[in-house]
PDB file of N, CA and C in Angstrom:
ATOM      1  N   MET A   1     -41.609 -14.848  44.228  1.00  0.00           N
ATOM      2  CA  MET A   1     -40.442 -14.857  45.612  1.00  0.00           C
ATOM      3  C   MET A   1     -39.729 -13.761  44.976  1.00  0.00           C
ATOM      4  N   ALA A   2     -39.207 -13.106  46.170  1.00  0.00           N
ATOM      5  CA  ALA A   2     -38.595 -12.222  45.774  1.00  0.00           C
ATOM      6  C   ALA A   2     -36.994 -12.484  46.142  1.00  0.00           C
ATOM      7  N   LEU A   3     -35.840 -12.328  45.553  1.00  0.00           N
ATOM      8  CA  LEU A   3     -34.590 -12.720  45.425  1.00  0.00           C
ATOM      9  C   LEU A   3     -34.034 -12.276  46.963  1.00  0.00           C
ATOM     10  N   ARG A   4     -33.713 -12.971  47.980  1.00  0.00           N
ATOM     11  CA  ARG A   4     -32.464 -12.037  49.150  1.00  0.00           C
ATOM     12  C   ARG A   4     -31.008 -12.991  48.917  1.00  0.00           C
ATOM     13  N   GLU A   5     -30.570 -11.555  48.800  1.00  0.00           N
ATOM     14  CA  GLU A   5     -28.926 -11.854  48.733  1.00  0.00           C
ATOM     15  C   GLU A   5     -28.016 -11.527  49.852  1.00  0.00           C
ATOM     16  N   ILE A   6     -27.609 -12.613  50.629  1.00  0.00           N
ATOM     17  CA  ILE A   6     -26.627 -12.473  51.635  1.00  0.00           C
ATOM     18  C   ILE A   6     -25.725 -12.390  51.207  1.00  0.00           C
ATOM     19  N   ARG A   7     -24.925 -11.052  51.737  1.00  0.00           N
ATOM     20  CA  ARG A   7     -23.364 -10.724  51.623  1.00  0.00           C
ATOM     21  C   ARG A   7     -22.321 -10.955  52.969  1.00  0.00           C
ATOM     22  N   LEU A   8     -21.175 -11.642  52.380  1.00  0.00           N
ATOM     23  CA  LEU A   8     -20.361 -12.021  53.341  1.00  0.00           C
ATOM     24  C   LEU A   8     -18.754 -11.769  52.682  1.00  0.00           C
ATOM     25  N   ASP A   9     -18.316 -11.040  53.585  1.00  0.00           N
ATOM     26  CA  ASP A   9     -16.930 -10.655  53.106  1.00  0.00           C
ATOM     27  C   ASP A   9     -15.856 -11.034  54.038  1.00  0.00           C
ATOM     28  N   VAL A  10     -15.179 -11.770  53.402  1.00  0.00           N
ATOM     29  CA  VAL A  10     -14.327 -13.069  53.939  1.00  0.00           C
ATOM     30  C   VAL A  10     -12.481 -12.752  53.107  1.00  0.00           C
ATOM     31  N   ARG A  11     -12.218 -11.351  53.030  1.00  0.00           N
ATOM     32  CA  ARG A  11     -11.228 -10.953  51.933  1.00  0.00           C
ATOM     33  C   ARG A  11     -10.189 -10.800  53.559  1.00  0.00           C
ATOM     34  N   GLY A  12      -8.952 -11.813  53.652  1.00  0.00           N
ATOM     35  CA  GLY A  12      -7.906 -10.901  54.459  1.00  0.00           C
ATOM     36  C   GLY A  12      -8.006 -12.036  55.385  1.00  0.00           C
ATOM     37  N   LEU A  13      -8.680 -13.109  55.427  1.00  0.00           N
ATOM     38  CA  LEU A  13      -8.760 -13.884  56.579  1.00  0.00           C
ATOM     39  C   LEU A  13      -8.213 -15.498  56.213  1.00  0.00           C
ATOM     40  N   PRO A  14      -7.383 -15.949  57.381  1.00  0.00           N
ATOM     41  CA  PRO A  14      -6.241 -16.886  57.095  1.00  0.00           C
ATOM     42  C   PRO A  14      -6.985 -18.073  56.510  1.00  0.00           C
ATOM     43  N   PRO A  15      -6.081 -18.740  55.512  1.00  0.00           N
ATOM     44  CA  PRO A  15      -6.622 -20.117  54.982  1.00  0.00           C
ATOM     45  C   PRO A  15      -7.865 -20.985  55.598  1.00  0.00           C
ATOM     46  N   CYS A  16      -8.214 -21.356  55.096  1.00  0.00           N
ATOM     47  CA  CYS A  16      -9.474 -22.374  55.106  1.00  0.00           C
ATOM     48  C   CYS A  16     -10.723 -21.748  55.839  1.00  0.00           C
ATOM     49  N   GLU A  17     -10.364 -20.452  56.736  1.00  0.00           N
ATOM     50  CA  GLU A  17     -11.744 -19.548  57.441  1.00  0.00           C
ATOM     51  C   GLU A  17     -12.524 -19.203  56.392  1.00  0.00           C
ATOM     52  N   PRO A  18     -12.388 -18.498  55.042  1.00  0.00           N
ATOM     53  CA  PRO A  18     -12.848 -18.148  53.958  1.00  0.00           C
ATOM     54  C   PRO A  18     -14.020 -19.287  53.909  1.00  0.00           C
ATOM     55  N   MET A  19     -13.513 -20.327  53.330  1.00  0.00           N
ATOM     56  CA  MET A  19     -13.994 -21.289  53.044  1.00  0.00           C
ATOM     57  C   MET A  19     -15.131 -22.239  54.461  1.00  0.00           C
ATOM     58  N   GLU A  20     -14.677 -21.798  55.559  1.00  0.00           N
ATOM     59  CA  GLU A  20     -15.607 -22.476  56.381  1.00  0.00           C
ATOM     60  C   GLU A  20     -16.800 -21.569  56.685  1.00  0.00           C
ATOM     61  N   ARG A  21     -16.411 -20.222  56.556  1.00  0.00           N
ATOM     62  CA  ARG A  21     -17.616 -18.905  56.522  1.00  0.00           C
ATOM     63  C   ARG A  21     -18.580 -19.218  55.503  1.00  0.00           C
ATOM     64  N   ILE A  22     -17.849 -19.292  54.187  1.00  0.00           N
ATOM     65  CA  ILE A  22     -18.887 -19.686  53.337  1.00  0.00           C
ATOM     66  C   ILE A  22     -19.907 -21.316  53.141  1.00  0.00           C
ATOM     67  N   LEU A  23     -19.020 -22.373  53.459  1.00  0.00           N
ATOM     68  CA  LEU A  23     -19.945 -23.321  53.969  1.00  0.00           C
ATOM     69  C   LEU A  23     -20.702 -23.223  54.918  1.00  0.00           C
ATOM     70  N   GLY A  24     -20.326 -22.661  56.131  1.00  0.00           N
ATOM     71  CA  GLY A  24     -21.211 -22.357  57.037  1.00  0.00           C
ATOM     72  C   GLY A  24     -22.546 -21.706  57.023  1.00  0.00           C
ATOM     73  N   GLN A  25     -21.802 -20.485  55.939  1.00  0.00           N
ATOM     74  CA  GLN A  25     -23.559 -19.792  55.523  1.00  0.00           C
ATOM     75  C   GLN A  25     -24.288 -20.458  54.680  1.00  0.00           C
ATOM     76  N   LEU A  26     -23.943 -21.227  53.776  1.00  0.00           N
ATOM     77  CA  LEU A  26     -24.917 -21.990  52.757  1.00  0.00           C
ATOM     78  C   LEU A  26     -25.491 -22.831  53.567  1.00  0.00           C
ATOM     79  N   ALA A  27     -25.211 -23.264  54.412  1.00  0.00           N
ATOM     80  CA  ALA A  27     -25.725 -24.539  55.471  1.00  0.00           C
ATOM     81  C   ALA A  27     -27.277 -23.930  56.075  1.00  0.00           C
ATOM     82  N   VAL A  28     -27.396 -22.668  55.808  1.00  0.00           N
ATOM     83  CA  VAL A  28     -28.694 -22.057  56.588  1.00  0.00           C
ATOM     84  C   VAL A  28     -29.421 -21.433  55.829  1.00  0.00           C
ATOM     85  N   LEU A  29     -28.831 -21.915  54.294  1.00  0.00           N
ATOM     86  CA  LEU A  29     -29.556 -20.934  53.504  1.00  0.00           C
ATOM     87  C   LEU A  29     -31.017 -21.624  52.764  1.00  0.00           C
ATOM     88  N   ALA A  30     -31.487 -20.430  52.791  1.00  0.00           N
ATOM     89  CA  ALA A  30     -33.307 -20.601  52.516  1.00  0.00           C
ATOM     90  C   ALA A  30     -33.623 -20.181  51.038  1.00  0.00           C
ATOM     91  N   PRO A  31     -34.746 -20.989  50.574  1.00  0.00           N
ATOM     92  CA  PRO A  31     -34.903 -21.264  49.400  1.00  0.00           C
ATOM     93  C   PRO A  31     -35.310 -19.566  48.870  1.00  0.00           C
ATOM     94  N   GLY A  32     -34.714 -18.893  47.743  1.00  0.00           N
ATOM     95  CA  GLY A  32     -34.782 -18.056  47.353  1.00  0.00           C
ATOM     96  C   GLY A  32     -33.969 -17.114  47.604  1.00  0.00           C
ATOM     97  N   GLU A  33     -32.995 -17.725  48.281  1.00  0.00           N
ATOM     98  CA  GLU A  33     -31.664 -16.823  48.640  1.00  0.00           C
ATOM     99  C   GLU A  33     -29.986 -17.248  47.687  1.00  0.00           C
ATOM    100  N   ARG A  34     -29.200 -16.180  47.756  1.00  0.00           N
ATOM    101  CA  ARG A  34     -27.925 -16.928  47.524  1.00  0.00           C
ATOM    102  C   ARG A  34     -26.936 -15.946  48.190  1.00  0.00           C
ATOM    103  N   LEU A  35     -25.993 -16.506  48.336  1.00  0.00           N
ATOM    104  CA  LEU A  35     -24.905 -15.896  48.924  1.00  0.00           C
ATOM    105  C   LEU A  35     -23.703 -15.176  48.067  1.00  0.00           C
ATOM    106  N   ALA A  36     -23.761 -13.951  48.379  1.00  0.00           N
ATOM    107  CA  ALA A  36     -22.523 -13.180  47.310  1.00  0.00           C
ATOM    108  C   ALA A  36     -21.488 -12.833  48.378  1.00  0.00           C
ATOM    109  N   ALA A  37     -20.199 -13.850  48.384  1.00  0.00           N
ATOM    110  CA  ALA A  37     -18.863 -13.756  49.079  1.00  0.00           C
ATOM    111  C   ALA A  37     -18.028 -12.480  48.154  1.00  0.00           C
ATOM    112  N   LEU A  38     -17.482 -11.582  49.061  1.00  0.00           N
ATOM    113  CA  LEU A  38     -16.764 -11.043  48.532  1.00  0.00           C
ATOM    114  C   LEU A  38     -14.705 -11.547  48.770  1.00  0.00           C
ATOM    115  N   LEU A  39     -13.919 -12.045  48.341  1.00  0.00           N
ATOM    116  CA  LEU A  39     -13.068 -12.474  48.223  1.00  0.00           C
ATOM    117  C   LEU A  39     -11.876 -12.156  48.043  1.00  0.00           C
ATOM    118  N   SER A  40     -10.611 -11.953  48.001  1.00  0.00           N
ATOM    119  CA  SER A  40      -9.260 -11.528  48.040  1.00  0.00           C
ATOM    120  C   SER A  40      -8.917 -12.542  46.752  1.00  0.00           C
ATOM    121  N   ARG A  41      -9.575 -14.228  46.421  1.00  0.00           N
ATOM    122  CA  ARG A  41      -8.830 -14.722  44.723  1.00  0.00           C
ATOM    123  C   ARG A  41      -9.899 -15.727  44.910  1.00  0.00           C
ATOM    124  N   GLU A  42      -9.659 -15.894  43.465  1.00  0.00           N
ATOM    125  CA  GLU A  42     -11.183 -16.648  43.257  1.00  0.00           C
ATOM    126  C   GLU A  42     -10.524 -18.363  44.538  1.00  0.00           C
ATOM    127  N   PRO A  43     -12.003 -18.708  44.291  1.00  0.00           N
ATOM    128  CA  PRO A  43     -12.393 -20.289  45.034  1.00  0.00           C
ATOM    129  C   PRO A  43     -12.143 -21.022  45.229  1.00  0.00           C
ATOM    130  N   VAL A  44     -11.259 -21.489  43.908  1.00  0.00           N
ATOM    131  CA  VAL A  44     -10.835 -22.252  43.180  1.00  0.00           C
ATOM    132  C   VAL A  44     -11.169 -23.908  44.526  1.00  0.00           C
ATOM    133  N   PRO A  45     -10.738 -24.229  45.375  1.00  0.00           N
ATOM    134  CA  PRO A  45     -10.863 -25.541  45.787  1.00  0.00           C
ATOM    135  C   PRO A  45     -12.121 -25.686  46.671  1.00  0.00           C
ATOM    136  N   LEU A  46     -12.440 -24.771  46.722  1.00  0.00           N
ATOM    137  CA  LEU A  46     -14.277 -24.259  47.028  1.00  0.00           C
ATOM    138  C   LEU A  46     -15.212 -25.216  46.090  1.00  0.00           C
ATOM    139  N   PHE A  47     -14.830 -25.510  44.379  1.00  0.00           N
ATOM    140  CA  PHE A  47     -15.724 -25.593  43.750  1.00  0.00           C
ATOM    141  C   PHE A  47     -15.961 -26.744  43.562  1.00  0.00           C
ATOM    142  N   ALA A  48     -15.519 -28.100  44.066  1.00  0.00           N
ATOM    143  CA  ALA A  48     -15.693 -29.167  43.957  1.00  0.00           C
ATOM    144  C   ALA A  48     -16.806 -29.729  45.089  1.00  0.00           C
ATOM    145  N   LEU A  49     -16.685 -28.949  46.494  1.00  0.00           N
ATOM    146  CA  LEU A  49     -17.386 -29.076  47.222  1.00  0.00           C
ATOM    147  C   LEU A  49     -18.693 -28.388  46.837  1.00  0.00           C
ATOM    148  N   LEU A  50     -18.751 -27.611  46.273  1.00  0.00           N
ATOM    149  CA  LEU A  50     -20.188 -26.724  46.147  1.00  0.00           C
ATOM    150  C   LEU A  50     -20.955 -27.780  44.899  1.00  0.00           C
ATOM    151  N   GLU A  51     -20.138 -28.264  44.036  1.00  0.00           N
ATOM    152  CA  GLU A  51     -20.683 -28.986  43.127  1.00  0.00           C
ATOM    153  C   GLU A  51     -21.304 -30.230  43.985  1.00  0.00           C
ATOM    154  N   GLU A  52     -20.178 -30.903  44.908  1.00  0.00           N
ATOM    155  CA  GLU A  52     -20.860 -32.008  45.193  1.00  0.00           C
ATOM    156  C   GLU A  52     -22.113 -31.769  46.639  1.00  0.00           C
ATOM    157  N   ARG A  53     -22.313 -30.835  46.721  1.00  0.00           N
ATOM    158  CA  ARG A  53     -23.380 -29.914  47.775  1.00  0.00           C
ATOM    159  C   ARG A  53     -24.841 -29.796  46.795  1.00  0.00           C
ATOM    160  N   GLY A  54     -24.570 -29.532  45.527  1.00  0.00           N
ATOM    161  CA  GLY A  54     -25.464 -29.446  44.862  1.00  0.00           C
ATOM    162  C   GLY A  54     -26.156 -27.614  44.642  1.00  0.00           C
ATOM    163  N   TYR A  55     -24.488 -27.247  44.665  1.00  0.00           N
ATOM    164  CA  TYR A  55     -24.931 -25.805  44.966  1.00  0.00           C
ATOM    165  C   TYR A  55     -24.278 -25.173  42.863  1.00  0.00           C
ATOM    166  N   ALA A  56     -24.789 -24.272  42.786  1.00  0.00           N
ATOM    167  CA  ALA A  56     -24.254 -23.365  40.981  1.00  0.00           C
ATOM    168  C   ALA A  56     -23.377 -22.662  42.065  1.00  0.00           C
ATOM    169  N   TRP A  57     -23.030 -21.737  40.737  1.00  0.00           N
ATOM    170  CA  TRP A  57     -21.993 -20.569  41.586  1.00  0.00           C
ATOM    171  C   TRP A  57     -21.745 -19.874  40.278  1.00  0.00           C
ATOM    172  N   ARG A  58     -21.124 -18.642  40.349  1.00  0.00           N
ATOM    173  CA  ARG A  58     -20.810 -17.698  39.366  1.00  0.00           C
ATOM    174  C   ARG A  58     -19.861 -16.519  40.114  1.00  0.00           C
ATOM    175  N   VAL A  59     -18.494 -16.644  39.488  1.00  0.00           N
ATOM    176  CA  VAL A  59     -17.599 -15.916  40.237  1.00  0.00           C
ATOM    177  C   VAL A  59     -17.187 -14.488  39.042  1.00  0.00           C
ATOM    178  N   THR A  60     -17.232 -13.354  39.581  1.00  0.00           N
ATOM    179  CA  THR A  60     -16.731 -12.493  39.135  1.00  0.00           C
ATOM    180  C   THR A  60     -15.326 -11.284  39.251  1.00  0.00           C
ATOM    181  N   VAL A  61     -14.387 -11.278  38.684  1.00  0.00           N
ATOM    182  CA  VAL A  61     -13.277 -10.742  39.094  1.00  0.00           C
ATOM    183  C   VAL A  61     -13.826  -9.582  39.156  1.00  0.00           C
ATOM    184  N   LEU A  62     -13.559  -8.742  40.558  1.00  0.00           N
ATOM    185  CA  LEU A  62     -13.564  -7.398  40.542  1.00  0.00           C
ATOM    186  C   LEU A  62     -12.264  -6.183  40.234  1.00  0.00           C
ATOM    187  N   GLY A  63     -11.190  -6.997  40.057  1.00  0.00           N
ATOM    188  CA  GLY A  63     -10.073  -5.990  40.008  1.00  0.00           C
ATOM    189  C   GLY A  63      -9.105  -6.570  40.855  1.00  0.00           C
ATOM    190  N   PRO A  64      -7.813  -5.820  40.826  1.00  0.00           N
ATOM    191  CA  PRO A  64      -6.601  -7.590  41.595  1.00  0.00           C
ATOM    192  C   PRO A  64      -7.134  -7.285  43.605  1.00  0.00           C
ATOM    193  N   GLY A  65      -7.007  -8.175  43.586  1.00  0.00           N
ATOM    194  CA  GLY A  65      -7.277  -8.917  44.959  1.00  0.00           C
ATOM    195  C   GLY A  65      -8.984  -8.952  45.435  1.00  0.00           C
ATOM    196  N   ARG A  66      -9.723  -8.712  44.722  1.00  0.00           N
ATOM    197  CA  ARG A  66     -10.664  -8.637  44.652  1.00  0.00           C
ATOM    198  C   ARG A  66     -12.179  -9.502  43.823  1.00  0.00           C
ATOM    199  N   CYS A  67     -12.877 -10.623  44.125  1.00  0.00           N
ATOM    200  CA  CYS A  67     -13.416 -11.383  43.655  1.00  0.00           C
ATOM    201  C   CYS A  67     -14.725 -11.495  43.973  1.00  0.00           C
ATOM    202  N   GLU A  68     -16.003 -11.789  43.490  1.00  0.00           N
ATOM    203  CA  GLU A  68     -16.962 -12.187  44.063  1.00  0.00           C
ATOM    204  C   GLU A  68     -17.492 -13.215  43.511  1.00  0.00           C
ATOM    205  N   LEU A  69     -18.126 -14.081  44.540  1.00  0.00           N
ATOM    206  CA  LEU A  69     -18.489 -15.659  44.557  1.00  0.00           C
ATOM    207  C   LEU A  69     -19.964 -15.488  44.683  1.00  0.00           C
ATOM    208  N   LEU A  70     -20.803 -15.744  43.730  1.00  0.00           N
ATOM    209  CA  LEU A  70     -22.375 -15.946  43.887  1.00  0.00           C
ATOM    210  C   LEU A  70     -22.645 -17.341  43.908  1.00  0.00           C
ATOM    211  N   VAL A  71     -23.415 -17.510  45.005  1.00  0.00           N
ATOM    212  CA  VAL A  71     -23.749 -19.393  45.341  1.00  0.00           C
ATOM    213  C   VAL A  71     -25.277 -19.194  45.611  1.00  0.00           C
ATOM    214  N   TRP A  72     -25.817 -20.300  44.710  1.00  0.00           N
ATOM    215  CA  TRP A  72     -27.039 -20.594  45.052  1.00  0.00           C
ATOM    216  C   TRP A  72     -27.705 -22.017  44.744  1.00  0.00           C
ATOM    217  N   ARG A  73     -28.787 -22.373  45.341  1.00  0.00           N
ATOM    218  CA  ARG A  73     -28.810 -23.846  45.317  1.00  0.00           C
ATOM    219  C   ARG A  73     -29.079 -24.247  43.649  1.00  0.00           C
ATOM    220  N   ARG A  74     -29.052 -25.173  43.095  1.00  0.00           N
ATOM    221  CA  ARG A  74     -28.711 -25.785  41.796  1.00  0.00           C
ATOM    222  C   ARG A  74     -30.371 -25.149  41.302  1.00  0.00           C
ATOM    223  N   ASP A  75     -30.755 -26.144  42.230  1.00  0.00           N
ATOM    224  CA  ASP A  75     -32.437 -26.119  41.462  1.00  0.00           C
ATOM    225  C   ASP A  75     -33.692 -25.106  41.964  1.00  0.00           C
ATOM    226  N   ASP A  76     -33.115 -23.850  42.797  1.00  0.00           N
ATOM    227  CA  ASP A  76     -33.350 -22.422  42.665  1.00  0.00           C
ATOM    228  C   ASP A  76     -33.380 -21.752  41.498  1.00  0.00           C
ATOM    229  N   ALA A  77     -34.611 -21.823  41.084  1.00  0.00           N
ATOM    230  CA  ALA A  77     -34.361 -20.909  39.726  1.00  0.00           C
ATOM    231  C   ALA A  77     -34.747 -19.182  40.125  1.00  0.00           C
ATOM    232  N   VAL A  78     -35.354 -18.826  41.374  1.00  0.00           N
ATOM    233  CA  VAL A  78     -35.327 -17.589  41.732  1.00  0.00           C
ATOM    234  C   VAL A  78     -33.733 -17.046  41.985  1.00  0.00           C
ATOM    235  N   ALA A  79     -33.024 -17.750  42.856  1.00  0.00           N
ATOM    236  CA  ALA A  79     -31.744 -17.673  43.047  1.00  0.00           C
ATOM    237  C   ALA A  79     -30.512 -17.350  42.145  1.00  0.00           C
ATOM    238  N   ALA A  80     -30.986 -18.024  40.749  1.00  0.00           N
ATOM    239  CA  ALA A  80     -29.936 -18.143  40.114  1.00  0.00           C
ATOM    240  C   ALA A  80     -30.228 -17.123  39.238  1.00  0.00           C
ATOM    241  N   GLU A  81     -31.217 -16.524  39.309  1.00  0.00           N
ATOM    242  CA  GLU A  81     -31.204 -14.907  38.294  1.00  0.00           C
ATOM    243  C   GLU A  81     -30.378 -13.920  38.298  1.00  0.00           C
ATOM    244  N   PRO A  82     -29.933 -13.451  37.115  1.00  0.00           N
ATOM    245  CA  PRO A  82     -29.135 -12.387  37.383  1.00  0.00           C
ATOM    246  C   PRO A  82     -29.353 -11.375  38.174  1.00  0.00           C
TER     247      PRO A  82
END
């Protein structure tokens, strides 16, 4: 199965909206898919929610005011691949 990456740019949105959009997209994430979200800062408040809902994630700081959050189902080996 090939990995499919869903891209989402939530930079510059008002508080709570980036989290709501990310969670909304995760609700329809299919097996073999992962979400790549571009944010203005590391979404620390989101991490506990991801953990509770069975997701794994990785954050990469791309530069000032830019980071990428990759999220996948914890049990999805295909989506966890680098």
